[in-house]
Amino acid sequence: MSTALFLDFDKVLFDTERLKTQIKKAFLSVGYSDQEYTESYRAVRKIGYSPEKQIALMKRELPSPILPRDFSQYVYPDVFPFLKELRKKGVWLGLISFGDPVWQEYKVVQTGLKQEFDLIAYTSEEDNKVLPIRQAIEKHKFAHIIFVDDRREELEVVKKALPEVEIAIITREVAGNTLPDILPW
């Protein structure tokens, strides 16, 4: 396969803001203030977010379950058709995601997206998506490589370290972009 597409998960394939809103409602429903929720979220986000870490930090019980059973409802509507079309064209697919690896794996599995990718890598260190991309490039010798993320800083780090990688930003919440809008293959 000569083309590789690396995709970030949150806010690229997965509507993180909708899930975050549901989790926040659960916290508020048991008496946490908006400020307590926001401060604890920010503190945990720095080390790789997971609801378990936030609950531990806040030291109060929450209703069970706070998470929905079906995470496929949070996958953007264009994602599955787009990935299937790329597969037909022989594109190699990699998923590179920042966050608590256990939480990220849980979300990916619960969405049904796991089987769509040739590589899945999670990092709990911000700006550390370069390593799994570099390793895949060295192993597979792709002719064309693209990395899609919603964060310009992440894209710039990858581009600086791996100048051969084409980068593309997706801004679903702001501009309403879809994957076919930014990658019209």
N, C-alpha and C. Protein backbone atom coordinates (compact mmCIF):
# COMPACT_ATOMS: atom_id res chain seq x y z
N MET A 1 0.85 -1.18 0.00
CA MET A 1 0.00 0.00 0.00
C MET A 1 0.89 1.23 0.00
N SER A 2 0.59 2.13 -0.87
CA SER A 2 1.48 3.28 -0.98
C SER A 2 0.98 4.52 -0.25
N THR A 3 -0.27 4.55 0.16
CA THR A 3 -0.79 5.72 0.86
C THR A 3 -1.18 5.33 2.28
N ALA A 4 -0.78 6.20 3.22
CA ALA A 4 -1.14 6.01 4.62
C ALA A 4 -1.86 7.25 5.12
N LEU A 5 -2.91 7.02 5.87
CA LEU A 5 -3.66 8.09 6.50
C LEU A 5 -3.69 7.84 7.99
N PHE A 6 -3.12 8.78 8.75
CA PHE A 6 -3.14 8.73 10.21
C PHE A 6 -4.19 9.72 10.68
N LEU A 7 -5.06 9.25 11.56
CA LEU A 7 -6.15 10.09 12.05
C LEU A 7 -6.10 10.17 13.57
N ASP A 8 -6.34 11.35 14.09
CA ASP A 8 -6.57 11.52 15.52
C ASP A 8 -7.98 11.00 15.81
N PHE A 9 -8.28 10.70 17.04
CA PHE A 9 -9.59 10.16 17.39
C PHE A 9 -10.57 11.25 17.83
N ASP A 10 -10.27 11.89 18.96
CA ASP A 10 -11.19 12.86 19.54
C ASP A 10 -11.32 14.10 18.66
N LYS A 11 -12.55 14.46 18.38
CA LYS A 11 -12.92 15.63 17.57
C LYS A 11 -12.58 15.49 16.10
N VAL A 12 -12.06 14.33 15.70
CA VAL A 12 -11.81 14.04 14.30
C VAL A 12 -12.77 12.93 13.86
N LEU A 13 -12.81 11.85 14.62
CA LEU A 13 -13.71 10.73 14.34
C LEU A 13 -14.87 10.67 15.34
N PHE A 14 -14.63 11.20 16.50
CA PHE A 14 -15.51 11.01 17.66
C PHE A 14 -15.92 12.35 18.22
N ASP A 15 -17.23 12.53 18.45
CA ASP A 15 -17.77 13.79 18.97
C ASP A 15 -17.55 13.85 20.49
N THR A 16 -16.35 14.21 20.84
CA THR A 16 -15.92 14.25 22.23
C THR A 16 -16.74 15.23 23.05
N GLU A 17 -17.11 16.33 22.45
CA GLU A 17 -17.86 17.35 23.18
C GLU A 17 -19.24 16.84 23.61
N ARG A 18 -19.90 16.06 22.77
CA ARG A 18 -21.19 15.49 23.16
C ARG A 18 -21.04 14.53 24.33
N LEU A 19 -20.02 13.68 24.30
CA LEU A 19 -19.79 12.75 25.41
C LEU A 19 -19.41 13.53 26.67
N LYS A 20 -18.56 14.52 26.52
CA LYS A 20 -18.13 15.33 27.66
C LYS A 20 -19.33 16.01 28.32
N THR A 21 -20.28 16.47 27.51
CA THR A 21 -21.49 17.10 28.04
C THR A 21 -22.28 16.09 28.87
N GLN A 22 -22.39 14.86 28.41
CA GLN A 22 -23.12 13.83 29.15
C GLN A 22 -22.42 13.51 30.47
N ILE A 23 -21.10 13.41 30.44
CA ILE A 23 -20.35 13.13 31.66
C ILE A 23 -20.49 14.29 32.64
N LYS A 24 -20.42 15.51 32.13
CA LYS A 24 -20.56 16.68 32.99
C LYS A 24 -21.93 16.69 33.67
N LYS A 25 -22.98 16.36 32.93
CA LYS A 25 -24.33 16.31 33.51
C LYS A 25 -24.38 15.33 34.67
N ALA A 26 -23.71 14.20 34.55
CA ALA A 26 -23.68 13.21 35.62
C ALA A 26 -23.01 13.80 36.87
N PHE A 27 -21.92 14.52 36.68
CA PHE A 27 -21.24 15.14 37.82
C PHE A 27 -22.12 16.20 38.47
N LEU A 28 -22.75 17.03 37.65
CA LEU A 28 -23.60 18.10 38.19
C LEU A 28 -24.83 17.53 38.90
N SER A 29 -25.33 16.39 38.43
CA SER A 29 -26.53 15.79 39.01
C SER A 29 -26.33 15.29 40.45
N VAL A 30 -25.09 15.10 40.86
CA VAL A 30 -24.83 14.65 42.23
C VAL A 30 -24.26 15.77 43.10
N GLY A 31 -24.40 17.01 42.63
CA GLY A 31 -24.08 18.14 43.48
C GLY A 31 -22.77 18.85 43.22
N TYR A 32 -22.01 18.43 42.25
CA TYR A 32 -20.79 19.17 41.92
C TYR A 32 -21.18 20.47 41.23
N SER A 33 -20.40 21.51 41.47
CA SER A 33 -20.66 22.77 40.77
C SER A 33 -19.98 22.72 39.41
N ASP A 34 -20.41 23.62 38.56
CA ASP A 34 -19.80 23.74 37.24
C ASP A 34 -18.30 24.02 37.38
N GLN A 35 -17.95 24.89 38.33
CA GLN A 35 -16.55 25.23 38.56
C GLN A 35 -15.75 24.01 39.03
N GLU A 36 -16.30 23.22 39.97
CA GLU A 36 -15.60 22.02 40.43
C GLU A 36 -15.36 21.05 39.29
N TYR A 37 -16.39 20.87 38.47
CA TYR A 37 -16.24 19.97 37.33
C TYR A 37 -15.14 20.46 36.39
N THR A 38 -15.20 21.75 36.03
CA THR A 38 -14.25 22.31 35.07
C THR A 38 -12.83 22.25 35.60
N GLU A 39 -12.63 22.61 36.85
CA GLU A 39 -11.27 22.58 37.42
C GLU A 39 -10.73 21.16 37.48
N SER A 40 -11.55 20.21 37.87
CA SER A 40 -11.08 18.81 37.94
C SER A 40 -10.82 18.26 36.54
N TYR A 41 -11.65 18.62 35.58
CA TYR A 41 -11.44 18.18 34.21
C TYR A 41 -10.10 18.68 33.69
N ARG A 42 -9.84 19.96 33.89
CA ARG A 42 -8.57 20.55 33.42
C ARG A 42 -7.36 19.89 34.09
N ALA A 43 -7.47 19.62 35.38
CA ALA A 43 -6.36 18.99 36.10
C ALA A 43 -6.08 17.59 35.56
N VAL A 44 -7.13 16.83 35.31
CA VAL A 44 -6.97 15.46 34.83
C VAL A 44 -6.56 15.45 33.36
N ARG A 45 -7.04 16.38 32.58
CA ARG A 45 -6.71 16.45 31.15
C ARG A 45 -5.20 16.53 30.92
N LYS A 46 -4.51 17.20 31.81
CA LYS A 46 -3.06 17.37 31.68
C LYS A 46 -2.31 16.04 31.75
N ILE A 47 -2.88 15.06 32.43
CA ILE A 47 -2.20 13.76 32.59
C ILE A 47 -2.85 12.66 31.76
N GLY A 48 -3.79 13.02 30.92
CA GLY A 48 -4.49 12.03 30.09
C GLY A 48 -5.84 11.72 30.72
N TYR A 49 -6.88 12.34 30.23
CA TYR A 49 -8.21 12.26 30.84
C TYR A 49 -8.78 10.86 30.85
N SER A 50 -9.46 10.54 31.93
CA SER A 50 -10.39 9.43 32.00
C SER A 50 -11.41 9.78 33.08
N PRO A 51 -12.65 9.32 32.94
CA PRO A 51 -13.64 9.61 33.98
C PRO A 51 -13.20 9.07 35.35
N GLU A 52 -12.53 7.92 35.35
CA GLU A 52 -12.08 7.34 36.61
C GLU A 52 -11.10 8.26 37.33
N LYS A 53 -10.18 8.86 36.59
CA LYS A 53 -9.22 9.79 37.20
C LYS A 53 -9.93 11.02 37.75
N GLN A 54 -10.93 11.50 37.02
CA GLN A 54 -11.66 12.67 37.48
C GLN A 54 -12.46 12.33 38.73
N ILE A 55 -13.09 11.19 38.76
CA ILE A 55 -13.85 10.76 39.94
C ILE A 55 -12.92 10.64 41.14
N ALA A 56 -11.75 10.03 40.94
CA ALA A 56 -10.79 9.87 42.04
C ALA A 56 -10.34 11.23 42.58
N LEU A 57 -10.12 12.18 41.68
CA LEU A 57 -9.70 13.51 42.08
C LEU A 57 -10.78 14.21 42.89
N MET A 58 -12.04 14.01 42.51
CA MET A 58 -13.14 14.73 43.15
C MET A 58 -13.61 14.04 44.43
N LYS A 59 -13.30 12.78 44.60
CA LYS A 59 -13.54 12.04 45.86
C LYS A 59 -15.00 12.01 46.30
N ARG A 60 -15.90 11.84 45.34
CA ARG A 60 -17.32 11.66 45.67
C ARG A 60 -17.88 10.58 44.77
N GLU A 61 -18.92 9.95 45.24
CA GLU A 61 -19.58 8.91 44.44
C GLU A 61 -20.37 9.54 43.30
N LEU A 62 -20.46 8.80 42.22
CA LEU A 62 -21.27 9.21 41.08
C LEU A 62 -22.27 8.12 40.77
N PRO A 63 -23.39 8.51 40.14
CA PRO A 63 -24.36 7.47 39.76
C PRO A 63 -23.75 6.52 38.76
N SER A 64 -24.19 5.31 38.79
CA SER A 64 -23.67 4.33 37.85
C SER A 64 -24.80 3.93 36.91
N PRO A 65 -24.61 3.82 35.65
CA PRO A 65 -23.38 4.21 34.96
C PRO A 65 -23.44 5.67 34.55
N ILE A 66 -22.29 6.33 34.52
CA ILE A 66 -22.27 7.70 34.02
C ILE A 66 -22.01 7.71 32.53
N LEU A 67 -21.59 6.57 32.00
CA LEU A 67 -21.26 6.48 30.57
C LEU A 67 -22.34 5.71 29.83
N PRO A 68 -22.63 6.12 28.61
CA PRO A 68 -23.58 5.35 27.80
C PRO A 68 -22.98 4.01 27.42
N ARG A 69 -23.83 3.06 27.08
CA ARG A 69 -23.33 1.74 26.66
C ARG A 69 -22.89 1.75 25.21
N ASP A 70 -23.53 2.55 24.40
CA ASP A 70 -23.26 2.56 22.96
C ASP A 70 -22.53 3.84 22.57
N PHE A 71 -21.24 3.74 22.31
CA PHE A 71 -20.46 4.90 21.93
C PHE A 71 -20.54 5.18 20.42
N SER A 72 -21.14 4.28 19.66
CA SER A 72 -21.23 4.53 18.21
C SER A 72 -22.05 5.78 17.91
N GLN A 73 -22.91 6.17 18.84
CA GLN A 73 -23.71 7.39 18.65
C GLN A 73 -22.85 8.65 18.61
N TYR A 74 -21.60 8.55 19.08
CA TYR A 74 -20.70 9.70 19.11
C TYR A 74 -19.75 9.73 17.92
N VAL A 75 -19.79 8.74 17.08
CA VAL A 75 -18.96 8.74 15.87
C VAL A 75 -19.63 9.66 14.85
N TYR A 76 -18.87 10.57 14.30
CA TYR A 76 -19.44 11.48 13.30
C TYR A 76 -19.99 10.68 12.12
N PRO A 77 -21.11 11.11 11.55
CA PRO A 77 -21.80 10.33 10.51
C PRO A 77 -20.98 10.01 9.26
N ASP A 78 -20.00 10.84 8.92
CA ASP A 78 -19.21 10.61 7.72
C ASP A 78 -18.10 9.58 7.91
N VAL A 79 -17.79 9.20 9.15
CA VAL A 79 -16.60 8.41 9.45
C VAL A 79 -16.63 7.01 8.86
N PHE A 80 -17.63 6.21 9.18
CA PHE A 80 -17.64 4.83 8.70
C PHE A 80 -17.67 4.74 7.17
N PRO A 81 -18.53 5.51 6.49
CA PRO A 81 -18.50 5.44 5.02
C PRO A 81 -17.17 5.89 4.43
N PHE A 82 -16.57 6.91 5.02
CA PHE A 82 -15.29 7.41 4.53
C PHE A 82 -14.19 6.36 4.69
N LEU A 83 -14.12 5.74 5.85
CA LEU A 83 -13.09 4.71 6.08
C LEU A 83 -13.30 3.51 5.16
N LYS A 84 -14.54 3.11 4.96
CA LYS A 84 -14.82 1.99 4.05
C LYS A 84 -14.38 2.30 2.62
N GLU A 85 -14.63 3.53 2.19
CA GLU A 85 -14.21 3.95 0.85
C GLU A 85 -12.69 3.94 0.71
N LEU A 86 -12.01 4.41 1.74
CA LEU A 86 -10.54 4.40 1.71
C LEU A 86 -10.00 2.97 1.67
N ARG A 87 -10.64 2.08 2.39
CA ARG A 87 -10.24 0.67 2.39
C ARG A 87 -10.34 0.09 0.97
N LYS A 88 -11.42 0.42 0.29
CA LYS A 88 -11.60 -0.06 -1.08
C LYS A 88 -10.47 0.43 -1.98
N LYS A 89 -9.94 1.61 -1.68
CA LYS A 89 -8.86 2.20 -2.47
C LYS A 89 -7.48 1.73 -2.00
N GLY A 90 -7.43 0.87 -0.99
CA GLY A 90 -6.17 0.33 -0.51
C GLY A 90 -5.36 1.24 0.39
N VAL A 91 -6.01 2.22 1.01
CA VAL A 91 -5.30 3.13 1.90
C VAL A 91 -5.05 2.44 3.24
N TRP A 92 -3.83 2.54 3.73
CA TRP A 92 -3.44 2.03 5.04
C TRP A 92 -3.90 3.04 6.08
N LEU A 93 -4.56 2.59 7.16
CA LEU A 93 -5.15 3.50 8.13
C LEU A 93 -4.53 3.35 9.51
N GLY A 94 -4.12 4.47 10.08
CA GLY A 94 -3.58 4.50 11.44
C GLY A 94 -4.38 5.45 12.31
N LEU A 95 -4.61 5.04 13.54
CA LEU A 95 -5.30 5.88 14.52
C LEU A 95 -4.27 6.24 15.60
N ILE A 96 -4.06 7.52 15.81
CA ILE A 96 -3.09 8.01 16.80
C ILE A 96 -3.85 8.95 17.72
N SER A 97 -3.90 8.62 19.02
CA SER A 97 -4.75 9.39 19.91
C SER A 97 -4.06 9.74 21.23
N PHE A 98 -4.24 10.98 21.66
CA PHE A 98 -3.75 11.43 22.95
C PHE A 98 -4.80 11.18 24.01
N GLY A 99 -4.36 10.72 25.16
CA GLY A 99 -5.25 10.54 26.30
C GLY A 99 -4.84 9.32 27.10
N ASP A 100 -5.52 9.12 28.18
CA ASP A 100 -5.27 7.94 28.99
C ASP A 100 -5.48 6.70 28.11
N PRO A 101 -4.46 5.86 27.94
CA PRO A 101 -4.58 4.73 27.01
C PRO A 101 -5.75 3.79 27.30
N VAL A 102 -6.05 3.56 28.55
CA VAL A 102 -7.17 2.66 28.90
C VAL A 102 -8.50 3.29 28.48
N TRP A 103 -8.66 4.57 28.75
CA TRP A 103 -9.88 5.29 28.39
C TRP A 103 -10.01 5.39 26.87
N GLN A 104 -8.91 5.72 26.18
CA GLN A 104 -8.96 5.82 24.73
C GLN A 104 -9.31 4.48 24.10
N GLU A 105 -8.71 3.41 24.57
CA GLU A 105 -9.00 2.06 24.05
C GLU A 105 -10.47 1.71 24.28
N TYR A 106 -10.98 2.04 25.46
CA TYR A 106 -12.38 1.78 25.76
C TYR A 106 -13.29 2.49 24.76
N LYS A 107 -13.01 3.76 24.51
CA LYS A 107 -13.85 4.52 23.56
C LYS A 107 -13.76 3.93 22.15
N VAL A 108 -12.55 3.63 21.71
CA VAL A 108 -12.38 3.10 20.34
C VAL A 108 -13.12 1.77 20.19
N VAL A 109 -12.98 0.89 21.16
CA VAL A 109 -13.66 -0.42 21.10
C VAL A 109 -15.18 -0.22 21.12
N GLN A 110 -15.66 0.65 22.00
CA GLN A 110 -17.11 0.85 22.14
C GLN A 110 -17.74 1.52 20.91
N THR A 111 -16.94 2.19 20.10
CA THR A 111 -17.49 2.81 18.88
C THR A 111 -17.62 1.82 17.74
N GLY A 112 -16.87 0.71 17.82
CA GLY A 112 -16.84 -0.23 16.70
C GLY A 112 -15.79 0.14 15.66
N LEU A 113 -14.94 1.11 15.96
CA LEU A 113 -13.94 1.56 14.99
C LEU A 113 -12.64 0.75 15.01
N LYS A 114 -12.42 0.00 16.06
CA LYS A 114 -11.11 -0.65 16.22
C LYS A 114 -10.71 -1.49 15.00
N GLN A 115 -11.63 -2.25 14.47
CA GLN A 115 -11.30 -3.14 13.35
C GLN A 115 -11.06 -2.41 12.03
N GLU A 116 -11.30 -1.11 12.00
CA GLU A 116 -11.11 -0.35 10.77
C GLU A 116 -9.66 0.06 10.52
N PHE A 117 -8.80 -0.11 11.53
CA PHE A 117 -7.44 0.43 11.46
C PHE A 117 -6.36 -0.64 11.41
N ASP A 118 -5.29 -0.33 10.67
CA ASP A 118 -4.12 -1.19 10.61
C ASP A 118 -3.23 -0.99 11.83
N LEU A 119 -3.27 0.19 12.39
CA LEU A 119 -2.47 0.53 13.56
C LEU A 119 -3.29 1.42 14.46
N ILE A 120 -3.23 1.15 15.76
CA ILE A 120 -3.83 2.04 16.75
C ILE A 120 -2.78 2.29 17.81
N ALA A 121 -2.51 3.56 18.08
CA ALA A 121 -1.52 3.93 19.09
C ALA A 121 -2.11 5.03 19.97
N TYR A 122 -1.89 4.88 21.27
CA TYR A 122 -2.35 5.87 22.24
C TYR A 122 -1.13 6.45 22.94
N THR A 123 -1.18 7.73 23.21
CA THR A 123 -0.11 8.37 23.96
C THR A 123 -0.72 9.22 25.07
N SER A 124 -0.14 9.14 26.25
CA SER A 124 -0.62 9.98 27.35
C SER A 124 0.23 11.23 27.50
N GLU A 125 1.13 11.44 26.55
CA GLU A 125 1.96 12.64 26.54
C GLU A 125 1.56 13.51 25.35
N GLU A 126 1.20 14.76 25.64
CA GLU A 126 0.85 15.66 24.53
C GLU A 126 2.04 15.81 23.60
N ASP A 127 1.77 16.07 22.36
CA ASP A 127 2.78 16.27 21.33
C ASP A 127 3.67 15.04 21.14
N ASN A 128 3.15 13.85 21.40
CA ASN A 128 3.96 12.64 21.26
C ASN A 128 3.36 11.69 20.22
N LYS A 129 2.76 12.23 19.20
CA LYS A 129 2.20 11.40 18.14
C LYS A 129 3.23 11.07 17.07
N VAL A 130 4.38 11.70 17.14
CA VAL A 130 5.42 11.50 16.13
C VAL A 130 5.94 10.07 16.14
N LEU A 131 6.22 9.52 17.30
CA LEU A 131 6.86 8.21 17.39
C LEU A 131 6.09 7.11 16.68
N PRO A 132 4.79 6.91 16.95
CA PRO A 132 4.10 5.83 16.23
C PRO A 132 4.00 6.07 14.73
N ILE A 133 3.90 7.33 14.32
CA ILE A 133 3.86 7.63 12.89
C ILE A 133 5.21 7.30 12.26
N ARG A 134 6.28 7.74 12.91
CA ARG A 134 7.63 7.46 12.40
C ARG A 134 7.87 5.95 12.28
N GLN A 135 7.48 5.20 13.30
CA GLN A 135 7.69 3.74 13.28
C GLN A 135 6.93 3.09 12.13
N ALA A 136 5.71 3.53 11.89
CA ALA A 136 4.92 2.97 10.78
C ALA A 136 5.54 3.32 9.43
N ILE A 137 6.02 4.54 9.30
CA ILE A 137 6.67 4.96 8.04
C ILE A 137 7.91 4.11 7.78
N GLU A 138 8.73 3.92 8.79
CA GLU A 138 9.95 3.11 8.64
C GLU A 138 9.63 1.67 8.28
N LYS A 139 8.57 1.14 8.86
CA LYS A 139 8.20 -0.25 8.61
C LYS A 139 7.59 -0.46 7.23
N HIS A 140 6.75 0.46 6.79
CA HIS A 140 5.96 0.25 5.58
C HIS A 140 6.44 1.02 4.35
N LYS A 141 7.27 2.02 4.51
CA LYS A 141 7.82 2.78 3.37
C LYS A 141 6.72 3.34 2.45
N PHE A 142 5.79 4.07 3.03
CA PHE A 142 4.68 4.65 2.28
C PHE A 142 5.16 5.69 1.27
N ALA A 143 4.48 5.78 0.15
CA ALA A 143 4.79 6.79 -0.86
C ALA A 143 4.11 8.12 -0.52
N HIS A 144 2.96 8.05 0.12
CA HIS A 144 2.18 9.25 0.43
C HIS A 144 1.63 9.09 1.85
N ILE A 145 1.86 10.11 2.68
CA ILE A 145 1.47 10.03 4.09
C ILE A 145 0.73 11.30 4.48
N ILE A 146 -0.41 11.12 5.13
CA ILE A 146 -1.23 12.25 5.58
C ILE A 146 -1.58 12.04 7.05
N PHE A 147 -1.54 13.12 7.81
CA PHE A 147 -1.94 13.09 9.21
C PHE A 147 -3.03 14.13 9.42
N VAL A 148 -4.16 13.73 10.01
CA VAL A 148 -5.29 14.62 10.25
C VAL A 148 -5.51 14.75 11.76
N ASP A 149 -5.61 15.98 12.21
CA ASP A 149 -5.85 16.25 13.63
C ASP A 149 -6.70 17.50 13.72
N ASP A 150 -7.29 17.72 14.89
CA ASP A 150 -8.07 18.94 15.11
C ASP A 150 -7.24 20.02 15.78
N ARG A 151 -6.01 19.68 16.18
CA ARG A 151 -5.16 20.64 16.89
C ARG A 151 -3.96 21.02 16.03
N ARG A 152 -3.89 22.29 15.71
CA ARG A 152 -2.81 22.81 14.86
C ARG A 152 -1.44 22.52 15.48
N GLU A 153 -1.34 22.63 16.82
CA GLU A 153 -0.06 22.40 17.48
C GLU A 153 0.44 20.98 17.22
N GLU A 154 -0.46 20.00 17.29
CA GLU A 154 -0.09 18.60 17.05
C GLU A 154 0.39 18.43 15.61
N LEU A 155 -0.31 19.05 14.69
CA LEU A 155 0.07 18.96 13.28
C LEU A 155 1.45 19.56 13.04
N GLU A 156 1.72 20.70 13.66
CA GLU A 156 3.01 21.36 13.49
C GLU A 156 4.15 20.53 14.06
N VAL A 157 3.93 19.87 15.20
CA VAL A 157 4.96 19.01 15.79
C VAL A 157 5.28 17.86 14.84
N VAL A 158 4.25 17.23 14.29
CA VAL A 158 4.47 16.12 13.36
C VAL A 158 5.17 16.61 12.11
N LYS A 159 4.74 17.73 11.55
CA LYS A 159 5.34 18.25 10.32
C LYS A 159 6.81 18.60 10.53
N LYS A 160 7.13 19.18 11.67
CA LYS A 160 8.52 19.55 11.95
C LYS A 160 9.39 18.29 12.06
N ALA A 161 8.91 17.27 12.73
CA ALA A 161 9.68 16.05 12.93
C ALA A 161 9.70 15.16 11.69
N LEU A 162 8.61 15.20 10.93
CA LEU A 162 8.46 14.33 9.76
C LEU A 162 8.00 15.17 8.56
N PRO A 163 8.91 15.90 7.94
CA PRO A 163 8.52 16.83 6.86
C PRO A 163 7.85 16.15 5.67
N GLU A 164 8.05 14.85 5.50
CA GLU A 164 7.41 14.14 4.39
C GLU A 164 5.92 13.91 4.60
N VAL A 165 5.44 14.16 5.81
CA VAL A 165 4.03 13.94 6.13
C VAL A 165 3.22 15.18 5.76
N GLU A 166 2.20 14.96 4.95
CA GLU A 166 1.24 16.02 4.63
C GLU A 166 0.29 16.13 5.81
N ILE A 167 -0.07 17.35 6.21
CA ILE A 167 -0.96 17.53 7.35
C ILE A 167 -2.26 18.19 6.91
N ALA A 168 -3.32 17.88 7.65
CA ALA A 168 -4.63 18.47 7.38
C ALA A 168 -5.35 18.68 8.70
N ILE A 169 -5.92 19.85 8.87
CA ILE A 169 -6.67 20.14 10.09
C ILE A 169 -8.15 19.99 9.81
N ILE A 170 -8.86 19.46 10.79
CA ILE A 170 -10.31 19.36 10.69
C ILE A 170 -10.89 20.12 11.87
N THR A 171 -11.86 20.97 11.60
CA THR A 171 -12.47 21.79 12.64
C THR A 171 -13.98 21.58 12.59
N ARG A 172 -14.40 20.46 13.10
CA ARG A 172 -15.82 20.10 13.02
C ARG A 172 -16.71 21.07 13.78
N GLU A 173 -16.35 21.42 15.01
CA GLU A 173 -17.20 22.29 15.82
C GLU A 173 -17.28 23.71 15.26
N VAL A 174 -16.16 24.20 14.73
CA VAL A 174 -16.11 25.58 14.25
C VAL A 174 -16.65 25.69 12.83
N ALA A 175 -16.08 24.91 11.92
CA ALA A 175 -16.43 25.05 10.51
C ALA A 175 -17.38 23.97 10.01
N GLY A 176 -17.62 22.96 10.82
CA GLY A 176 -18.51 21.88 10.39
C GLY A 176 -17.91 21.00 9.32
N ASN A 177 -16.57 20.94 9.25
CA ASN A 177 -15.91 20.10 8.25
C ASN A 177 -16.25 18.62 8.44
N THR A 178 -16.19 17.89 7.34
CA THR A 178 -16.25 16.43 7.39
C THR A 178 -14.94 15.91 6.81
N LEU A 179 -14.66 14.65 7.00
CA LEU A 179 -13.45 14.08 6.42
C LEU A 179 -13.43 14.21 4.90
N PRO A 180 -14.52 13.92 4.20
CA PRO A 180 -14.49 14.12 2.75
C PRO A 180 -14.26 15.58 2.32
N ASP A 181 -14.63 16.53 3.18
CA ASP A 181 -14.37 17.95 2.85
C ASP A 181 -12.88 18.25 2.81
N ILE A 182 -12.14 17.70 3.75
CA ILE A 182 -10.71 18.02 3.82
C ILE A 182 -9.83 17.03 3.07
N LEU A 183 -10.36 15.85 2.77
CA LEU A 183 -9.62 14.82 2.03
C LEU A 183 -10.51 14.29 0.90
N PRO A 184 -10.75 15.07 -0.11
CA PRO A 184 -11.69 14.66 -1.17
C PRO A 184 -11.07 13.63 -2.13
N TRP A 185 -10.99 12.40 -1.66
CA TRP A 185 -10.40 11.32 -2.47
C TRP A 185 -11.50 10.70 -3.29
